C-alpha atoms as a PDB file:
ATOM      1  CA  UNK A   1     100.460 102.067  79.370  1.00  0.00           C
ATOM      2  CA  UNK A   2     101.713 102.881  82.856  1.00  0.00           C
ATOM      3  CA  UNK A   3     104.140 105.714  83.332  1.00  0.00           C
ATOM      4  CA  UNK A   4     107.199 104.168  85.052  1.00  0.00           C
ATOM      5  CA  UNK A   5     107.912 107.391  86.962  1.00  0.00           C
ATOM      6  CA  UNK A   6     104.382 107.546  88.341  1.00  0.00           C
ATOM      7  CA  UNK A   7     104.561 103.884  89.342  1.00  0.00           C
ATOM      8  CA  UNK A   8     107.879 104.512  91.094  1.00  0.00           C
ATOM      9  CA  UNK A   9     106.403 107.523  92.916  1.00  0.00           C
ATOM     10  CA  UNK A  10     103.503 105.420  94.186  1.00  0.00           C
ATOM     11  CA  UNK A  11     105.890 102.789  95.482  1.00  0.00           C
ATOM     12  CA  UNK A  12     107.928 105.479  97.206  1.00  0.00           C
ATOM     13  CA  UNK A  13     104.770 106.918  98.765  1.00  0.00           C
ATOM     14  CA  UNK A  14     103.775 103.477  99.999  1.00  0.00           C
ATOM     15  CA  UNK A  15     107.226 102.980 101.526  1.00  0.00           C
ATOM     16  CA  UNK A  16     106.864 106.279 103.379  1.00  0.00           C
ATOM     17  CA  UNK A  17     103.460 105.211 104.679  1.00  0.00           C
ATOM     18  CA  UNK A  18     104.893 101.879 105.795  1.00  0.00           C
ATOM     19  CA  UNK A  19     107.560 103.740 107.764  1.00  0.00           C
ATOM     20  CA  UNK A  20     104.859 105.791 109.461  1.00  0.00           C
ATOM     21  CA  UNK A  21     102.919 102.613 110.171  1.00  0.00           C
ATOM     22  CA  UNK A  22     105.912 101.073 111.962  1.00  0.00           C
ATOM     23  CA  UNK A  23     105.980 104.043 114.329  1.00  0.00           C
ATOM     24  CA  UNK A  24     102.374 103.215 115.258  1.00  0.00           C
ATOM     25  CA  UNK A  25     101.367 106.824 115.895  1.00  0.00           C
ATOM     26  CA  UNK A  26      98.550 106.846 113.336  1.00  0.00           C
ATOM     27  CA  UNK A  27      97.171 103.337 113.838  1.00  0.00           C
ATOM     28  CA  UNK A  28      93.768 104.669 114.912  1.00  0.00           C
ATOM     29  CA  UNK A  29      93.599 107.482 112.334  1.00  0.00           C
ATOM     30  CA  UNK A  30      91.259 106.666 109.451  1.00  0.00           C
ATOM     31  CA  UNK A  31      92.902 109.043 106.909  1.00  0.00           C
ATOM     32  CA  UNK A  32      96.196 107.177 107.331  1.00  0.00           C
ATOM     33  CA  UNK A  33      94.550 103.892 106.354  1.00  0.00           C
ATOM     34  CA  UNK A  34      92.725 105.631 103.503  1.00  0.00           C
ATOM     35  CA  UNK A  35      96.029 106.905 102.136  1.00  0.00           C
ATOM     36  CA  UNK A  36      97.441 103.375 102.241  1.00  0.00           C
ATOM     37  CA  UNK A  37      94.320 101.987 100.568  1.00  0.00           C
ATOM     38  CA  UNK A  38      94.612 104.555  97.796  1.00  0.00           C
ATOM     39  CA  UNK A  39      98.253 103.688  97.136  1.00  0.00           C
ATOM     40  CA  UNK A  40      97.486  99.961  97.113  1.00  0.00           C
ATOM     41  CA  UNK A  41      94.556 100.551  94.736  1.00  0.00           C
ATOM     42  CA  UNK A  42      96.681 102.622  92.371  1.00  0.00           C
ATOM     43  CA  UNK A  43      99.336  99.908  92.382  1.00  0.00           C
ATOM     44  CA  UNK A  44      96.740  97.252  91.517  1.00  0.00           C
ATOM     45  CA  UNK A  45      97.009  95.551  94.903  1.00  0.00           C
ATOM     46  CA  UNK A  46      93.279  95.118  95.519  1.00  0.00           C
ATOM     47  CA  UNK A  47      93.403  92.741  98.490  1.00  0.00           C
ATOM     48  CA  UNK A  48      95.621  95.093 100.436  1.00  0.00           C
ATOM     49  CA  UNK A  49      93.515  98.086  99.415  1.00  0.00           C
ATOM     50  CA  UNK A  50      90.353  96.421 100.703  1.00  0.00           C
ATOM     51  CA  UNK A  51      92.043  95.510 103.981  1.00  0.00           C
ATOM     52  CA  UNK A  52      93.183  99.114 104.439  1.00  0.00           C
ATOM     53  CA  UNK A  53      89.661 100.373 103.708  1.00  0.00           C
ATOM     54  CA  UNK A  54      88.313  97.967 106.337  1.00  0.00           C
ATOM     55  CA  UNK A  55      90.849  99.220 108.869  1.00  0.00           C
ATOM     56  CA  UNK A  56      89.932 102.829 108.068  1.00  0.00           C
ATOM     57  CA  UNK A  57      86.279 101.983 108.596  1.00  0.00           C
ATOM     58  CA  UNK A  58      87.030 100.890 112.170  1.00  0.00           C
ATOM     59  CA  UNK A  59      88.308 104.383 112.953  1.00  0.00           C
ATOM     60  CA  UNK A  60      85.815 106.502 111.003  1.00  0.00           C
ATOM     61  CA  UNK A  61      85.045 109.585 113.057  1.00  0.00           C
ATOM     62  CA  UNK A  62      81.503 110.212 111.801  1.00  0.00           C
ATOM     63  CA  UNK A  63      78.775 108.896 109.508  1.00  0.00           C
ATOM     64  CA  UNK A  64      79.887 110.948 106.508  1.00  0.00           C
ATOM     65  CA  UNK A  65      83.419 109.537 106.690  1.00  0.00           C
ATOM     66  CA  UNK A  66      82.005 106.046 107.243  1.00  0.00           C
ATOM     67  CA  UNK A  67      79.827 106.334 104.119  1.00  0.00           C
ATOM     68  CA  UNK A  68      82.788 107.562 102.070  1.00  0.00           C
ATOM     69  CA  UNK A  69      84.900 104.603 103.169  1.00  0.00           C
ATOM     70  CA  UNK A  70      82.058 102.158 102.538  1.00  0.00           C
ATOM     71  CA  UNK A  71      81.691 103.546  98.991  1.00  0.00           C
ATOM     72  CA  UNK A  72      85.408 103.106  98.367  1.00  0.00           C
ATOM     73  CA  UNK A  73      85.328  99.590  99.784  1.00  0.00           C
ATOM     74  CA  UNK A  74      82.298  98.706  97.660  1.00  0.00           C
ATOM     75  CA  UNK A  75      84.086 100.092  94.592  1.00  0.00           C
ATOM     76  CA  UNK A  76      87.214  98.056  95.371  1.00  0.00           C
ATOM     77  CA  UNK A  77      85.104  94.924  95.801  1.00  0.00           C
ATOM     78  CA  UNK A  78      83.313  95.554  92.491  1.00  0.00           C
ATOM     79  CA  UNK A  79      86.622  96.144  90.719  1.00  0.00           C
ATOM     80  CA  UNK A  80      87.987  92.846  92.041  1.00  0.00           C
ATOM     81  CA  UNK A  81      84.831  90.964  91.026  1.00  0.00           C
ATOM     82  CA  UNK A  82      85.107  92.423  87.534  1.00  0.00           C
ATOM     83  CA  UNK A  83      88.677  91.111  87.349  1.00  0.00           C
ATOM     84  CA  UNK A  84      87.557  87.744  88.711  1.00  0.00           C
ATOM     85  CA  UNK A  85      89.601  88.099  91.894  1.00  0.00           C
ATOM     86  CA  UNK A  86      86.815  87.868  94.493  1.00  0.00           C
END
């Protein structure tokens, strides 16, 4: 069972990230997109999580970061396939 307070906190975090996104200052900063992807994933919004992982991948600063993002993206894809969404 989901904890309503935790769910609410995730939504609040996502709203904060969306406000930052509107400012555009972190558009090319991979960790920003990773934070969004994590919030989407935790909220069960797989399509949006995968899109945020893909955006983060575009701005990965080195191979280690790129591999980390690719692992997360692969995991999100596998999770969606298991749910029959992809």
